[in-house]
């Protein structure tokens, strides 16, 4: 299993809380941090509430360290 880097970035857009969850392999993330453009594959999830509720928790399902599905719970 390879090491991974998963980042959750919060953002408020039009009064709604939303989150961007980004995954890269650990080596690709290290290259990204030093500005090396290696066009590594990345997986991203845009998580936002369906109604005007707030998201209270996330469940990130991993398969061999790679996020496959994100489930969010709303208030």
C-alpha atoms as a PDB file:
ATOM      1  CA  UNK A   1       0.000   0.000   0.000  1.00  0.00           C
ATOM      2  CA  UNK A   2       1.386   3.405  -0.922  1.00  0.00           C
ATOM      3  CA  UNK A   3       1.234   6.398   1.381  1.00  0.00           C
ATOM      4  CA  UNK A   4      -1.330   9.038   0.537  1.00  0.00           C
ATOM      5  CA  UNK A   5      -2.061  12.689   1.209  1.00  0.00           C
ATOM      6  CA  UNK A   6      -5.704  13.673   1.718  1.00  0.00           C
ATOM      7  CA  UNK A   7      -6.570  17.337   2.205  1.00  0.00           C
ATOM      8  CA  UNK A   8      -9.919  18.836   3.182  1.00  0.00           C
ATOM      9  CA  UNK A   9     -10.336  22.473   2.185  1.00  0.00           C
ATOM     10  CA  UNK A  10     -13.364  24.362   3.475  1.00  0.00           C
ATOM     11  CA  UNK A  11     -15.002  27.134   1.479  1.00  0.00           C
ATOM     12  CA  UNK A  12     -18.130  29.210   1.962  1.00  0.00           C
ATOM     13  CA  UNK A  13     -19.927  29.945  -1.280  1.00  0.00           C
ATOM     14  CA  UNK A  14     -23.192  31.885  -1.486  1.00  0.00           C
ATOM     15  CA  UNK A  15     -23.851  31.328   2.205  1.00  0.00           C
ATOM     16  CA  UNK A  16     -23.339  27.557   2.014  1.00  0.00           C
ATOM     17  CA  UNK A  17     -20.477  25.669   3.564  1.00  0.00           C
ATOM     18  CA  UNK A  18     -18.799  23.368   1.082  1.00  0.00           C
ATOM     19  CA  UNK A  19     -15.638  21.306   1.106  1.00  0.00           C
ATOM     20  CA  UNK A  20     -13.122  20.182  -1.464  1.00  0.00           C
ATOM     21  CA  UNK A  21     -11.409  16.898  -0.630  1.00  0.00           C
ATOM     22  CA  UNK A  22      -8.225  16.300  -2.633  1.00  0.00           C
ATOM     23  CA  UNK A  23      -6.140  13.124  -2.763  1.00  0.00           C
ATOM     24  CA  UNK A  24      -2.645  12.677  -4.215  1.00  0.00           C
ATOM     25  CA  UNK A  25      -0.026  10.030  -3.696  1.00  0.00           C
ATOM     26  CA  UNK A  26       2.536  11.128  -1.103  1.00  0.00           C
ATOM     27  CA  UNK A  27       5.343  11.507  -3.658  1.00  0.00           C
ATOM     28  CA  UNK A  28       3.129  13.526  -6.023  1.00  0.00           C
ATOM     29  CA  UNK A  29       2.132  15.800  -3.137  1.00  0.00           C
ATOM     30  CA  UNK A  30       5.785  16.368  -2.172  1.00  0.00           C
ATOM     31  CA  UNK A  31       6.542  17.324  -5.789  1.00  0.00           C
ATOM     32  CA  UNK A  32       3.527  19.657  -5.790  1.00  0.00           C
ATOM     33  CA  UNK A  33       4.787  21.428  -2.645  1.00  0.00           C
ATOM     34  CA  UNK A  34       8.153  22.226  -4.247  1.00  0.00           C
ATOM     35  CA  UNK A  35       6.500  23.443  -7.453  1.00  0.00           C
ATOM     36  CA  UNK A  36       7.513  20.513  -9.624  1.00  0.00           C
ATOM     37  CA  UNK A  37       4.873  20.104 -12.327  1.00  0.00           C
ATOM     38  CA  UNK A  38       4.612  16.386 -12.919  1.00  0.00           C
ATOM     39  CA  UNK A  39       0.924  16.172 -13.936  1.00  0.00           C
ATOM     40  CA  UNK A  40       0.292  13.479 -11.342  1.00  0.00           C
ATOM     41  CA  UNK A  41      -3.192  12.018 -11.196  1.00  0.00           C
ATOM     42  CA  UNK A  42      -5.385  13.368  -8.444  1.00  0.00           C
ATOM     43  CA  UNK A  43      -8.828  12.541  -7.129  1.00  0.00           C
ATOM     44  CA  UNK A  44     -11.121  15.313  -5.908  1.00  0.00           C
ATOM     45  CA  UNK A  45     -14.557  15.398  -4.308  1.00  0.00           C
ATOM     46  CA  UNK A  46     -16.724  18.538  -4.075  1.00  0.00           C
ATOM     47  CA  UNK A  47     -18.919  18.088  -0.996  1.00  0.00           C
ATOM     48  CA  UNK A  48     -21.758  20.525  -0.361  1.00  0.00           C
ATOM     49  CA  UNK A  49     -25.099  20.404   1.456  1.00  0.00           C
ATOM     50  CA  UNK A  50     -28.191  19.644  -0.587  1.00  0.00           C
ATOM     51  CA  UNK A  51     -30.412  21.970   1.446  1.00  0.00           C
ATOM     52  CA  UNK A  52     -29.399  24.993   3.520  1.00  0.00           C
ATOM     53  CA  UNK A  53     -28.196  22.670   6.249  1.00  0.00           C
ATOM     54  CA  UNK A  54     -24.660  22.497   7.547  1.00  0.00           C
ATOM     55  CA  UNK A  55     -22.433  19.474   7.094  1.00  0.00           C
ATOM     56  CA  UNK A  56     -21.655  17.949  10.474  1.00  0.00           C
ATOM     57  CA  UNK A  57     -19.423  15.017   9.510  1.00  0.00           C
ATOM     58  CA  UNK A  58     -17.675  13.187   6.672  1.00  0.00           C
ATOM     59  CA  UNK A  59     -17.083   9.524   6.035  1.00  0.00           C
ATOM     60  CA  UNK A  60     -14.309   8.876   3.509  1.00  0.00           C
ATOM     61  CA  UNK A  61     -14.241   5.309   2.174  1.00  0.00           C
ATOM     62  CA  UNK A  62     -10.741   4.182   1.192  1.00  0.00           C
ATOM     63  CA  UNK A  63      -9.700   1.284  -1.015  1.00  0.00           C
ATOM     64  CA  UNK A  64      -5.991   0.526  -0.552  1.00  0.00           C
ATOM     65  CA  UNK A  65      -5.446   4.094   0.648  1.00  0.00           C
ATOM     66  CA  UNK A  66      -7.327   5.728  -2.238  1.00  0.00           C
ATOM     67  CA  UNK A  67     -10.600   7.566  -1.518  1.00  0.00           C
ATOM     68  CA  UNK A  68     -13.441   5.941  -3.438  1.00  0.00           C
ATOM     69  CA  UNK A  69     -16.521   7.581  -1.934  1.00  0.00           C
ATOM     70  CA  UNK A  70     -17.334  10.438   0.435  1.00  0.00           C
ATOM     71  CA  UNK A  71     -20.545  10.511   2.455  1.00  0.00           C
ATOM     72  CA  UNK A  72     -21.524  13.655   4.358  1.00  0.00           C
ATOM     73  CA  UNK A  73     -24.056  14.016   7.171  1.00  0.00           C
ATOM     74  CA  UNK A  74     -26.092  17.215   7.375  1.00  0.00           C
ATOM     75  CA  UNK A  75     -27.712  18.844  10.423  1.00  0.00           C
END
